[in-house]
Amino acid sequence: MSSRFRPREEPGLFDDLPLQQETPHSQTPVVTKESKVHPAPKPPPAPTPESLPLFDEEATTAPPVDTASHQAARSIVPFEAHLTAGLVDLGVMLGVLLVIGIGLWWLDVDVDLVDWVLVLVFLMPFSFLYQIFPLAFWGCTPGMAKVGIVARNKDGQTLSFSQAALRWVASILTVASVGLPLILTATTGRSLADRLSGSQTLPAK
C-alpha cells in the first residue's frame, strides 16, 4: 500500500545543472617520464669589437739591424791611417836612435858596428815599452792616437798585455821585412798586428 501511493519524485530545479564537468579521457594530459622541460636556448654572445691599430705594424716595426755587417763596416780603417800611425811610431824610434847617435858624436866616442848593434839592443826594450803599455791601458800608441784609431778585442774590450806584446812583434816583423805586410793591410783592411794578436783596429769615435 505504501509503495502504491508513494508520490513520484519530481526532478529538482538544480538537477539539470552540471555540478562537475567530467573531462573526457582523451583530453586528460598524460605526463610521462620521458617528457622533460628543455630550457630555452641561450642567445649567442655578442661579438667583441676589435680595436683597430692606429699605425700599420709594418710601418712601426723597425727593420732588423745586421750587427755583423754594422761591426764590419765600423771596423774598416783606411790604409792611410794604418800607414801614418806606423810611420809616426817608427819616426819616434828613429828619433831616439838619432839622439843616441848625436850624443855619441858629441862625446867623441868612436862607434863601430858592434856598438851600433848594442844601441839597437837597447832600442828594442824601449820600443817594447813604448808600445805595450799604451796599447794595454789606452788601446793605442802615440802614432795611432795621432790619426784617431784604437785597437780593441773582438768583444770591444781593451787589449791584454799578451795581445799588446803580439802587436809589438808584428810591428818588428813589418819593419824587418821592409813593410811587406802592409800589402796585406791594403788588400784586406786588417794589418798583420790585428791578425797576429786576434784584435781589430777601429776608429776612436
N, C-alpha and C. Protein backbone atom coordinates (compact mmCIF):
# COMPACT_ATOMS: atom_id res chain seq x y z
N MET A 1 0.84 -1.17 0.00
CA MET A 1 0.00 0.00 0.00
C MET A 1 0.88 1.23 0.00
N SER A 2 1.95 1.13 0.79
CA SER A 2 2.82 2.33 0.88
C SER A 2 3.54 2.59 -0.42
N SER A 3 3.94 1.55 -1.10
CA SER A 3 4.64 1.79 -2.37
C SER A 3 3.71 2.18 -3.45
N ARG A 4 2.46 1.84 -3.34
CA ARG A 4 1.49 2.18 -4.37
C ARG A 4 1.20 3.64 -4.35
N PHE A 5 1.09 4.12 -3.08
CA PHE A 5 0.71 5.54 -3.00
C PHE A 5 1.93 6.43 -2.77
N ARG A 6 3.21 5.96 -3.11
CA ARG A 6 4.42 6.83 -2.94
C ARG A 6 4.42 7.88 -4.01
N PRO A 7 4.48 9.04 -3.53
CA PRO A 7 4.44 10.11 -4.55
C PRO A 7 5.65 10.03 -5.46
N ARG A 8 5.47 10.34 -6.70
CA ARG A 8 6.58 10.30 -7.67
C ARG A 8 7.49 11.49 -7.48
N GLU A 9 8.70 11.16 -7.38
CA GLU A 9 9.68 12.24 -7.17
C GLU A 9 9.85 13.02 -8.46
N GLU A 10 9.72 14.29 -8.29
CA GLU A 10 9.88 15.17 -9.42
C GLU A 10 11.31 15.72 -9.43
N PRO A 11 11.79 15.90 -10.55
CA PRO A 11 13.15 16.44 -10.61
C PRO A 11 13.24 17.83 -10.01
N GLY A 12 14.33 18.08 -9.28
CA GLY A 12 14.50 19.38 -8.67
C GLY A 12 14.87 20.45 -9.67
N LEU A 13 14.90 21.63 -9.14
CA LEU A 13 15.22 22.75 -10.02
C LEU A 13 16.69 22.75 -10.43
N PHE A 14 17.56 22.23 -9.58
CA PHE A 14 19.02 22.30 -9.87
C PHE A 14 19.59 20.98 -10.33
N ASP A 15 18.66 20.02 -10.59
CA ASP A 15 19.19 18.74 -11.03
C ASP A 15 19.78 18.80 -12.42
N ASP A 16 19.27 19.69 -13.26
CA ASP A 16 19.81 19.78 -14.62
C ASP A 16 21.15 20.48 -14.72
N LEU A 17 21.55 21.19 -13.65
CA LEU A 17 22.81 21.93 -13.71
C LEU A 17 23.98 20.98 -13.50
N PRO A 18 24.98 21.03 -14.33
CA PRO A 18 26.14 20.15 -14.13
C PRO A 18 27.00 20.65 -12.98
N LEU A 19 27.05 19.89 -11.93
CA LEU A 19 27.87 20.31 -10.79
C LEU A 19 29.36 20.05 -11.03
N GLN A 20 29.69 19.05 -11.78
CA GLN A 20 31.08 18.72 -12.06
C GLN A 20 31.21 18.19 -13.46
N GLN A 21 31.92 18.90 -14.26
CA GLN A 21 32.06 18.51 -15.65
C GLN A 21 33.16 17.49 -15.78
N GLU A 22 32.79 16.38 -16.27
CA GLU A 22 33.77 15.31 -16.46
C GLU A 22 34.59 15.55 -17.71
N THR A 23 35.82 15.36 -17.55
CA THR A 23 36.75 15.55 -18.68
C THR A 23 36.88 14.25 -19.41
N PRO A 24 36.71 14.34 -20.69
CA PRO A 24 36.87 13.10 -21.45
C PRO A 24 38.26 12.52 -21.27
N HIS A 25 38.32 11.22 -21.39
CA HIS A 25 39.59 10.53 -21.17
C HIS A 25 40.65 10.92 -22.21
N SER A 26 40.12 11.27 -23.38
CA SER A 26 41.07 11.63 -24.44
C SER A 26 41.71 12.97 -24.21
N GLN A 27 41.05 13.87 -23.41
CA GLN A 27 41.60 15.21 -23.19
C GLN A 27 42.46 15.30 -21.95
N THR A 28 42.60 14.22 -21.20
CA THR A 28 43.42 14.26 -19.98
C THR A 28 44.90 14.28 -20.38
N PRO A 29 45.63 15.29 -19.91
CA PRO A 29 47.06 15.33 -20.27
C PRO A 29 47.81 14.20 -19.61
N VAL A 30 48.63 13.58 -20.38
CA VAL A 30 49.42 12.46 -19.89
C VAL A 30 50.85 12.91 -19.73
N VAL A 31 51.29 12.78 -18.51
CA VAL A 31 52.67 13.17 -18.21
C VAL A 31 53.49 11.91 -18.06
N THR A 32 54.47 11.79 -18.91
CA THR A 32 55.35 10.62 -18.85
C THR A 32 56.74 11.03 -18.34
N LYS A 33 57.54 10.02 -18.02
CA LYS A 33 58.89 10.30 -17.53
C LYS A 33 59.80 10.81 -18.63
N GLU A 34 59.44 10.46 -19.87
CA GLU A 34 60.33 10.86 -20.97
C GLU A 34 60.18 12.33 -21.32
N SER A 35 58.99 12.87 -21.01
CA SER A 35 58.76 14.26 -21.35
C SER A 35 59.45 15.14 -20.32
N LYS A 36 60.44 15.89 -20.76
CA LYS A 36 61.20 16.80 -19.91
C LYS A 36 61.09 18.21 -20.45
N VAL A 37 61.25 19.12 -19.53
CA VAL A 37 61.18 20.53 -19.90
C VAL A 37 62.58 20.98 -20.29
N HIS A 38 62.74 21.32 -21.54
CA HIS A 38 64.03 21.80 -22.05
C HIS A 38 64.13 23.29 -21.85
N PRO A 39 65.31 23.75 -21.30
CA PRO A 39 65.44 25.21 -21.12
C PRO A 39 65.57 25.91 -22.47
N ALA A 40 65.16 27.11 -22.43
CA ALA A 40 65.23 27.92 -23.66
C ALA A 40 66.69 28.14 -24.04
N PRO A 41 67.05 28.00 -25.30
CA PRO A 41 68.45 28.19 -25.71
C PRO A 41 68.93 29.60 -25.41
N LYS A 42 70.22 29.67 -24.93
CA LYS A 42 70.80 30.97 -24.63
C LYS A 42 71.18 31.68 -25.92
N PRO A 43 70.99 32.96 -25.94
CA PRO A 43 71.39 33.70 -27.15
C PRO A 43 72.91 33.72 -27.29
N PRO A 44 73.43 33.67 -28.50
CA PRO A 44 74.90 33.71 -28.68
C PRO A 44 75.48 35.01 -28.15
N PRO A 45 76.70 34.94 -27.61
CA PRO A 45 77.30 36.18 -27.08
C PRO A 45 77.56 37.19 -28.19
N ALA A 46 77.43 38.41 -27.79
CA ALA A 46 77.63 39.49 -28.76
C ALA A 46 79.10 39.56 -29.15
N PRO A 47 79.42 39.71 -30.41
CA PRO A 47 80.84 39.79 -30.82
C PRO A 47 81.53 41.00 -30.21
N THR A 48 82.79 40.74 -29.74
CA THR A 48 83.56 41.82 -29.16
C THR A 48 84.20 42.65 -30.27
N PRO A 49 84.01 43.94 -30.24
CA PRO A 49 84.61 44.76 -31.31
C PRO A 49 86.12 44.77 -31.20
N GLU A 50 86.79 44.57 -32.31
CA GLU A 50 88.25 44.56 -32.33
C GLU A 50 88.75 45.99 -32.47
N SER A 51 89.83 46.25 -31.71
CA SER A 51 90.42 47.58 -31.78
C SER A 51 91.29 47.68 -33.02
N LEU A 52 91.10 48.70 -33.75
CA LEU A 52 91.87 48.92 -34.98
C LEU A 52 93.20 49.57 -34.64
N PRO A 53 94.33 49.08 -35.18
CA PRO A 53 95.62 49.71 -34.88
C PRO A 53 95.69 51.09 -35.49
N LEU A 54 96.33 51.98 -34.73
CA LEU A 54 96.46 53.34 -35.22
C LEU A 54 97.47 53.43 -36.35
N PHE A 55 98.47 52.55 -36.29
CA PHE A 55 99.51 52.56 -37.32
C PHE A 55 99.70 51.17 -37.86
N ASP A 56 100.18 51.09 -39.04
CA ASP A 56 100.46 49.80 -39.65
C ASP A 56 101.63 49.15 -38.95
N GLU A 57 101.50 47.84 -38.65
CA GLU A 57 102.56 47.13 -37.94
C GLU A 57 103.85 47.13 -38.74
N GLU A 58 103.74 47.02 -40.04
CA GLU A 58 104.95 47.00 -40.86
C GLU A 58 105.66 48.34 -40.81
N ALA A 59 104.84 49.43 -40.65
CA ALA A 59 105.44 50.75 -40.63
C ALA A 59 106.11 51.02 -39.29
N THR A 60 105.51 50.51 -38.19
CA THR A 60 106.05 50.78 -36.86
C THR A 60 107.19 49.85 -36.49
N THR A 61 107.26 48.67 -37.08
CA THR A 61 108.31 47.72 -36.74
C THR A 61 109.61 48.12 -37.41
N ALA A 62 110.64 48.32 -36.58
CA ALA A 62 111.93 48.73 -37.13
C ALA A 62 112.59 47.56 -37.83
N PRO A 63 113.22 47.80 -38.94
CA PRO A 63 113.89 46.70 -39.65
C PRO A 63 115.03 46.17 -38.82
N PRO A 64 115.28 44.86 -38.84
CA PRO A 64 116.38 44.29 -38.05
C PRO A 64 117.72 44.82 -38.52
N VAL A 65 118.57 45.06 -37.53
CA VAL A 65 119.89 45.60 -37.83
C VAL A 65 120.88 44.45 -37.89
N ASP A 66 121.57 44.37 -38.96
CA ASP A 66 122.59 43.34 -39.12
C ASP A 66 123.84 43.79 -38.36
N THR A 67 124.01 43.26 -37.14
CA THR A 67 125.12 43.69 -36.30
C THR A 67 126.47 43.30 -36.89
N ALA A 68 126.50 42.15 -37.56
CA ALA A 68 127.78 41.71 -38.13
C ALA A 68 128.25 42.68 -39.21
N SER A 69 127.33 43.06 -40.13
CA SER A 69 127.73 43.98 -41.19
C SER A 69 128.01 45.37 -40.63
N HIS A 70 127.23 45.76 -39.57
CA HIS A 70 127.47 47.06 -38.96
C HIS A 70 128.85 47.11 -38.32
N GLN A 71 129.21 46.02 -37.60
CA GLN A 71 130.52 45.98 -36.98
C GLN A 71 131.62 45.91 -38.02
N ALA A 72 131.38 45.19 -39.12
CA ALA A 72 132.40 45.10 -40.17
C ALA A 72 132.61 46.46 -40.84
N ALA A 73 131.48 47.18 -41.07
CA ALA A 73 131.61 48.50 -41.67
C ALA A 73 132.34 49.47 -40.74
N ARG A 74 132.10 49.31 -39.42
CA ARG A 74 132.75 50.20 -38.47
C ARG A 74 134.22 49.88 -38.32
N SER A 75 134.59 48.60 -38.51
CA SER A 75 135.97 48.19 -38.28
C SER A 75 136.89 48.51 -39.44
N ILE A 76 136.37 49.01 -40.56
CA ILE A 76 137.21 49.33 -41.70
C ILE A 76 137.93 50.64 -41.44
N VAL A 77 139.24 50.57 -41.36
CA VAL A 77 140.07 51.75 -41.17
C VAL A 77 140.86 51.96 -42.45
N PRO A 78 140.89 53.16 -42.98
CA PRO A 78 141.63 53.39 -44.23
C PRO A 78 143.09 52.99 -44.11
N PHE A 79 143.61 52.54 -45.21
CA PHE A 79 145.02 52.13 -45.23
C PHE A 79 145.94 53.29 -44.89
N GLU A 80 145.55 54.50 -45.28
CA GLU A 80 146.38 55.67 -44.97
C GLU A 80 146.53 55.87 -43.47
N ALA A 81 145.45 55.53 -42.71
CA ALA A 81 145.54 55.68 -41.25
C ALA A 81 146.52 54.68 -40.66
N HIS A 82 146.47 53.42 -41.13
CA HIS A 82 147.45 52.43 -40.66
C HIS A 82 148.87 52.88 -41.00
N LEU A 83 149.07 53.34 -42.23
CA LEU A 83 150.41 53.73 -42.67
C LEU A 83 150.93 54.92 -41.89
N THR A 84 150.07 55.92 -41.68
CA THR A 84 150.50 57.12 -40.97
C THR A 84 150.85 56.80 -39.52
N ALA A 85 150.02 55.97 -38.88
CA ALA A 85 150.30 55.60 -37.48
C ALA A 85 151.61 54.84 -37.37
N GLY A 86 151.86 53.92 -38.30
CA GLY A 86 153.12 53.18 -38.27
C GLY A 86 154.32 54.07 -38.50
N LEU A 87 154.19 55.05 -39.42
CA LEU A 87 155.32 55.95 -39.70
C LEU A 87 155.60 56.86 -38.52
N VAL A 88 154.55 57.29 -37.82
CA VAL A 88 154.76 58.16 -36.65
C VAL A 88 155.50 57.39 -35.56
N ASP A 89 155.06 56.14 -35.29
CA ASP A 89 155.75 55.34 -34.27
C ASP A 89 157.19 55.02 -34.69
N LEU A 90 157.39 54.72 -35.96
CA LEU A 90 158.74 54.46 -36.45
C LEU A 90 159.59 55.71 -36.36
N GLY A 91 158.98 56.86 -36.62
CA GLY A 91 159.73 58.12 -36.52
C GLY A 91 160.19 58.40 -35.10
N VAL A 92 159.36 58.00 -34.11
CA VAL A 92 159.79 58.17 -32.71
C VAL A 92 161.01 57.30 -32.43
N MET A 93 160.97 56.05 -32.92
CA MET A 93 162.12 55.16 -32.71
C MET A 93 163.38 55.71 -33.40
N LEU A 94 163.23 56.19 -34.60
CA LEU A 94 164.39 56.75 -35.32
C LEU A 94 164.88 58.02 -34.64
N GLY A 95 163.93 58.75 -34.07
CA GLY A 95 164.34 59.97 -33.34
C GLY A 95 165.18 59.62 -32.12
N VAL A 96 164.78 58.59 -31.40
CA VAL A 96 165.58 58.16 -30.25
C VAL A 96 166.96 57.68 -30.72
N LEU A 97 166.99 56.93 -31.82
CA LEU A 97 168.26 56.46 -32.35
C LEU A 97 169.13 57.64 -32.79
N LEU A 98 168.48 58.66 -33.33
CA LEU A 98 169.24 59.84 -33.75
C LEU A 98 169.80 60.59 -32.56
N VAL A 99 169.03 60.67 -31.51
CA VAL A 99 169.52 61.35 -30.30
C VAL A 99 170.71 60.60 -29.72
N ILE A 100 170.65 59.27 -29.72
CA ILE A 100 171.78 58.49 -29.22
C ILE A 100 173.01 58.71 -30.09
N GLY A 101 172.83 58.72 -31.41
CA GLY A 101 173.97 58.95 -32.31
C GLY A 101 174.57 60.32 -32.12
N ILE A 102 173.72 61.34 -31.94
CA ILE A 102 174.24 62.69 -31.73
C ILE A 102 174.99 62.77 -30.40
N GLY A 103 174.43 62.05 -29.40
CA GLY A 103 175.13 62.06 -28.10
C GLY A 103 176.49 61.39 -28.19
N LEU A 104 176.60 60.30 -28.91
CA LEU A 104 177.89 59.63 -29.07
C LEU A 104 178.87 60.50 -29.85
N TRP A 105 178.36 61.18 -30.85
CA TRP A 105 179.24 62.07 -31.62
C TRP A 105 179.71 63.24 -30.78
N TRP A 106 178.82 63.77 -29.94
CA TRP A 106 179.16 64.92 -29.08
C TRP A 106 180.23 64.53 -28.06
N LEU A 107 180.13 63.31 -27.58
CA LEU A 107 181.11 62.82 -26.62
C LEU A 107 182.38 62.33 -27.29
N ASP A 108 182.42 62.42 -28.62
CA ASP A 108 183.58 62.00 -29.40
C ASP A 108 183.93 60.53 -29.12
N VAL A 109 182.86 59.72 -29.19
CA VAL A 109 183.03 58.30 -28.98
C VAL A 109 183.15 57.63 -30.33
N ASP A 110 184.17 56.88 -30.51
CA ASP A 110 184.35 56.17 -31.76
C ASP A 110 183.43 54.95 -31.76
N VAL A 111 182.41 54.97 -32.64
CA VAL A 111 181.37 53.93 -32.66
C VAL A 111 181.63 53.02 -33.85
N ASP A 112 181.74 51.75 -33.59
CA ASP A 112 181.88 50.78 -34.66
C ASP A 112 180.58 50.00 -34.82
N LEU A 113 180.64 48.93 -35.60
CA LEU A 113 179.43 48.14 -35.89
C LEU A 113 178.89 47.45 -34.64
N VAL A 114 179.79 46.98 -33.81
CA VAL A 114 179.34 46.30 -32.59
C VAL A 114 178.59 47.27 -31.68
N ASP A 115 179.09 48.50 -31.59
CA ASP A 115 178.43 49.49 -30.75
C ASP A 115 177.03 49.80 -31.27
N TRP A 116 176.89 49.85 -32.58
CA TRP A 116 175.56 50.11 -33.14
C TRP A 116 174.62 48.94 -32.87
N VAL A 117 175.14 47.73 -32.86
CA VAL A 117 174.31 46.59 -32.50
C VAL A 117 173.84 46.70 -31.06
N LEU A 118 174.74 47.14 -30.20
CA LEU A 118 174.35 47.34 -28.80
C LEU A 118 173.31 48.44 -28.65
N VAL A 119 173.43 49.45 -29.49
CA VAL A 119 172.42 50.53 -29.46
C VAL A 119 171.06 49.99 -29.88
N LEU A 120 171.07 49.14 -30.90
CA LEU A 120 169.80 48.55 -31.33
C LEU A 120 169.21 47.62 -30.27
N VAL A 121 170.09 46.91 -29.57
CA VAL A 121 169.62 46.06 -28.47
C VAL A 121 168.98 46.92 -27.39
N PHE A 122 169.53 48.09 -27.12
CA PHE A 122 168.91 49.00 -26.16
C PHE A 122 167.58 49.54 -26.69
N LEU A 123 167.56 49.77 -28.00
CA LEU A 123 166.35 50.36 -28.58
C LEU A 123 165.18 49.38 -28.59
N MET A 124 165.42 48.10 -28.62
CA MET A 124 164.34 47.11 -28.65
C MET A 124 163.50 47.14 -27.37
N PRO A 125 164.10 47.11 -26.17
CA PRO A 125 163.25 47.23 -24.98
C PRO A 125 162.50 48.55 -24.89
N PHE A 126 163.14 49.61 -25.39
CA PHE A 126 162.46 50.91 -25.37
C PHE A 126 161.22 50.89 -26.26
N SER A 127 161.36 50.29 -27.45
CA SER A 127 160.20 50.22 -28.35
C SER A 127 159.12 49.29 -27.79
N PHE A 128 159.57 48.26 -27.06
CA PHE A 128 158.60 47.35 -26.44
C PHE A 128 157.76 48.09 -25.40
N LEU A 129 158.43 48.83 -24.52
CA LEU A 129 157.69 49.60 -23.51
C LEU A 129 156.89 50.73 -24.16
N TYR A 130 157.42 51.28 -25.25
CA TYR A 130 156.73 52.37 -25.94
C TYR A 130 155.37 51.91 -26.49
N GLN A 131 155.26 50.66 -26.89
CA GLN A 131 154.02 50.19 -27.49
C GLN A 131 153.13 49.41 -26.52
N ILE A 132 153.71 48.54 -25.69
CA ILE A 132 152.88 47.61 -24.93
C ILE A 132 152.06 48.32 -23.86
N PHE A 133 152.62 49.30 -23.16
CA PHE A 133 151.86 49.95 -22.10
C PHE A 133 150.75 50.85 -22.65
N PRO A 134 151.01 51.68 -23.65
CA PRO A 134 149.87 52.45 -24.21
C PRO A 134 148.79 51.57 -24.82
N LEU A 135 149.19 50.45 -25.46
CA LEU A 135 148.18 49.57 -26.05
C LEU A 135 147.35 48.87 -24.98
N ALA A 136 147.99 48.44 -23.87
CA ALA A 136 147.27 47.72 -22.84
C ALA A 136 146.37 48.63 -22.02
N PHE A 137 146.77 49.89 -21.82
CA PHE A 137 145.98 50.79 -20.97
C PHE A 137 145.03 51.67 -21.77
N TRP A 138 145.46 52.16 -22.90
CA TRP A 138 144.62 53.09 -23.66
C TRP A 138 144.22 52.55 -25.03
N GLY A 139 144.80 51.43 -25.46
CA GLY A 139 144.41 50.83 -26.72
C GLY A 139 145.02 51.47 -27.95
N CYS A 140 146.00 52.32 -27.77
CA CYS A 140 146.61 52.97 -28.94
C CYS A 140 148.01 53.43 -28.59
N THR A 141 148.86 53.44 -29.59
CA THR A 141 150.19 54.02 -29.47
C THR A 141 150.10 55.51 -29.77
N PRO A 142 151.16 56.29 -29.53
CA PRO A 142 151.10 57.70 -29.89
C PRO A 142 150.79 57.93 -31.37
N GLY A 143 151.32 57.06 -32.23
CA GLY A 143 151.00 57.21 -33.65
C GLY A 143 149.53 56.92 -33.95
N MET A 144 148.97 55.91 -33.31
CA MET A 144 147.55 55.60 -33.51
C MET A 144 146.67 56.71 -32.95
N ALA A 145 147.07 57.28 -31.82
CA ALA A 145 146.30 58.40 -31.26
C ALA A 145 146.36 59.62 -32.18
N LYS A 146 147.46 59.77 -32.90
CA LYS A 146 147.61 60.91 -33.81
C LYS A 146 146.57 60.87 -34.93
N VAL A 147 146.29 59.65 -35.45
CA VAL A 147 145.35 59.53 -36.57
C VAL A 147 143.94 59.16 -36.10
N GLY A 148 143.75 58.93 -34.80
CA GLY A 148 142.42 58.65 -34.27
C GLY A 148 141.93 57.23 -34.46
N ILE A 149 142.79 56.25 -34.21
CA ILE A 149 142.39 54.85 -34.27
C ILE A 149 142.81 54.16 -32.98
N VAL A 150 142.12 53.08 -32.63
CA VAL A 150 142.41 52.32 -31.42
C VAL A 150 142.38 50.84 -31.76
N ALA A 151 142.99 50.04 -30.89
CA ALA A 151 142.99 48.58 -31.02
C ALA A 151 142.13 48.01 -29.90
N ARG A 152 141.21 47.10 -30.27
CA ARG A 152 140.29 46.50 -29.32
C ARG A 152 140.19 45.00 -29.57
N ASN A 153 139.72 44.30 -28.53
CA ASN A 153 139.38 42.89 -28.70
C ASN A 153 138.17 42.77 -29.62
N LYS A 154 137.84 41.53 -29.97
CA LYS A 154 136.67 41.30 -30.81
C LYS A 154 135.37 41.62 -30.08
N ASP A 155 135.42 41.59 -28.74
CA ASP A 155 134.24 41.96 -27.97
C ASP A 155 134.23 43.42 -27.56
N GLY A 156 135.19 44.20 -28.07
CA GLY A 156 135.21 45.63 -27.81
C GLY A 156 135.97 46.05 -26.57
N GLN A 157 136.59 45.10 -25.86
CA GLN A 157 137.32 45.43 -24.64
C GLN A 157 138.77 45.80 -24.98
N THR A 158 139.45 46.37 -23.97
CA THR A 158 140.84 46.75 -24.17
C THR A 158 141.72 45.49 -24.30
N LEU A 159 142.90 45.68 -24.84
CA LEU A 159 143.80 44.55 -25.09
C LEU A 159 144.46 44.08 -23.80
N SER A 160 144.80 42.81 -23.79
CA SER A 160 145.61 42.27 -22.71
C SER A 160 147.08 42.54 -23.01
N PHE A 161 147.93 42.28 -22.00
CA PHE A 161 149.36 42.52 -22.22
C PHE A 161 149.94 41.55 -23.26
N SER A 162 149.41 40.34 -23.30
CA SER A 162 149.90 39.39 -24.30
C SER A 162 149.52 39.84 -25.71
N GLN A 163 148.32 40.36 -25.88
CA GLN A 163 147.92 40.86 -27.20
C GLN A 163 148.73 42.09 -27.59
N ALA A 164 148.99 42.97 -26.62
CA ALA A 164 149.82 44.14 -26.91
C ALA A 164 151.24 43.71 -27.30
N ALA A 165 151.75 42.68 -26.64
CA ALA A 165 153.09 42.18 -26.99
C ALA A 165 153.11 41.59 -28.40
N LEU A 166 152.04 40.88 -28.78
CA LEU A 166 151.97 40.32 -30.13
C LEU A 166 151.87 41.41 -31.18
N ARG A 167 151.20 42.50 -30.86
CA ARG A 167 151.17 43.62 -31.82
C ARG A 167 152.55 44.25 -31.96
N TRP A 168 153.31 44.28 -30.88
CA TRP A 168 154.68 44.79 -30.97
C TRP A 168 155.53 43.87 -31.84
N VAL A 169 155.38 42.55 -31.68
CA VAL A 169 156.12 41.61 -32.52
C VAL A 169 155.75 41.81 -33.99
N ALA A 170 154.48 42.04 -34.26
CA ALA A 170 154.06 42.26 -35.65
C ALA A 170 154.68 43.52 -36.22
N SER A 171 154.80 44.57 -35.40
CA SER A 171 155.43 45.80 -35.90
C SER A 171 156.92 45.59 -36.17
N ILE A 172 157.59 44.78 -35.33
CA ILE A 172 159.01 44.48 -35.58
C ILE A 172 159.16 43.69 -36.88
N LEU A 173 158.26 42.71 -37.11
CA LEU A 173 158.32 41.93 -38.35
C LEU A 173 158.05 42.81 -39.56
N THR A 174 157.17 43.78 -39.41
CA THR A 174 156.87 44.67 -40.54
C THR A 174 158.09 45.51 -40.91
N VAL A 175 158.78 46.03 -39.89
CA VAL A 175 159.97 46.83 -40.15
C VAL A 175 161.09 45.96 -40.70
N ALA A 176 161.23 44.74 -40.15
CA ALA A 176 162.30 43.86 -40.59
C ALA A 176 162.11 43.40 -42.03
N SER A 177 160.84 43.27 -42.46
CA SER A 177 160.56 42.84 -43.84
C SER A 177 160.35 44.02 -44.77
N VAL A 178 160.79 45.20 -44.36
CA VAL A 178 160.74 46.42 -45.17
C VAL A 178 159.28 46.71 -45.60
N GLY A 179 158.35 46.52 -44.73
CA GLY A 179 156.98 46.94 -44.97
C GLY A 179 156.16 46.02 -45.86
N LEU A 180 156.62 44.80 -46.12
CA LEU A 180 155.85 43.91 -46.98
C LEU A 180 154.47 43.54 -46.40
N PRO A 181 154.31 43.36 -45.08
CA PRO A 181 152.97 43.08 -44.55
C PRO A 181 151.95 44.19 -44.79
N LEU A 182 152.42 45.36 -45.15
CA LEU A 182 151.47 46.44 -45.45
C LEU A 182 150.61 46.11 -46.67
N ILE A 183 151.08 45.24 -47.54
CA ILE A 183 150.27 44.82 -48.69
C ILE A 183 149.02 44.10 -48.20
N LEU A 184 149.19 43.29 -47.17
CA LEU A 184 148.04 42.60 -46.58
C LEU A 184 147.05 43.60 -46.00
N THR A 185 147.56 44.66 -45.38
CA THR A 185 146.67 45.68 -44.82
C THR A 185 145.93 46.42 -45.91
N ALA A 186 146.63 46.71 -47.01
CA ALA A 186 146.00 47.45 -48.10
C ALA A 186 144.93 46.64 -48.81
N THR A 187 145.09 45.32 -48.88
CA THR A 187 144.14 44.49 -49.63
C THR A 187 142.96 44.02 -48.79
N THR A 188 143.19 43.72 -47.52
CA THR A 188 142.12 43.15 -46.69
C THR A 188 141.59 44.11 -45.63
N GLY A 189 142.30 45.20 -45.35
CA GLY A 189 141.85 46.12 -44.32
C GLY A 189 142.30 45.74 -42.92
N ARG A 190 142.92 44.57 -42.75
CA ARG A 190 143.43 44.14 -41.44
C ARG A 190 144.94 44.01 -41.53
N SER A 191 145.60 44.57 -40.54
CA SER A 191 147.06 44.55 -40.54
C SER A 191 147.57 43.23 -39.98
N LEU A 192 148.88 43.04 -40.09
CA LEU A 192 149.50 41.85 -39.51
C LEU A 192 149.36 41.84 -37.99
N ALA A 193 149.40 43.02 -37.38
CA ALA A 193 149.23 43.11 -35.92
C ALA A 193 147.84 42.66 -35.50
N ASP A 194 146.81 43.00 -36.30
CA ASP A 194 145.45 42.56 -35.99
C ASP A 194 145.34 41.05 -36.05
N ARG A 195 145.89 40.46 -37.09
CA ARG A 195 145.77 39.02 -37.27
C ARG A 195 146.60 38.24 -36.25
N LEU A 196 147.79 38.74 -35.95
CA LEU A 196 148.65 38.01 -35.04
C LEU A 196 148.15 38.07 -33.60
N SER A 197 147.55 39.18 -33.21
CA SER A 197 147.09 39.34 -31.82
C SER A 197 145.60 39.02 -31.65
N GLY A 198 144.90 38.73 -32.74
CA GLY A 198 143.47 38.45 -32.62
C GLY A 198 142.67 39.66 -32.19
N SER A 199 143.08 40.83 -32.61
CA SER A 199 142.39 42.07 -32.26
C SER A 199 141.91 42.74 -33.53
N GLN A 200 141.37 43.94 -33.38
CA GLN A 200 140.89 44.69 -34.53
C GLN A 200 141.16 46.17 -34.30
N THR A 201 141.44 46.85 -35.40
CA THR A 201 141.70 48.29 -35.34
C THR A 201 140.43 49.01 -35.73
N LEU A 202 139.98 49.93 -34.87
CA LEU A 202 138.72 50.63 -35.07
C LEU A 202 138.95 52.13 -34.99
N PRO A 203 138.05 52.91 -35.56
CA PRO A 203 138.12 54.35 -35.35
C PRO A 203 137.90 54.68 -33.87
N ALA A 204 138.56 55.72 -33.41
CA ALA A 204 138.46 56.08 -32.00
C ALA A 204 137.07 56.53 -31.62
N LYS A 205 136.29 57.09 -32.55
CA LYS A 205 134.94 57.57 -32.27
C LYS A 205 133.97 56.93 -33.25
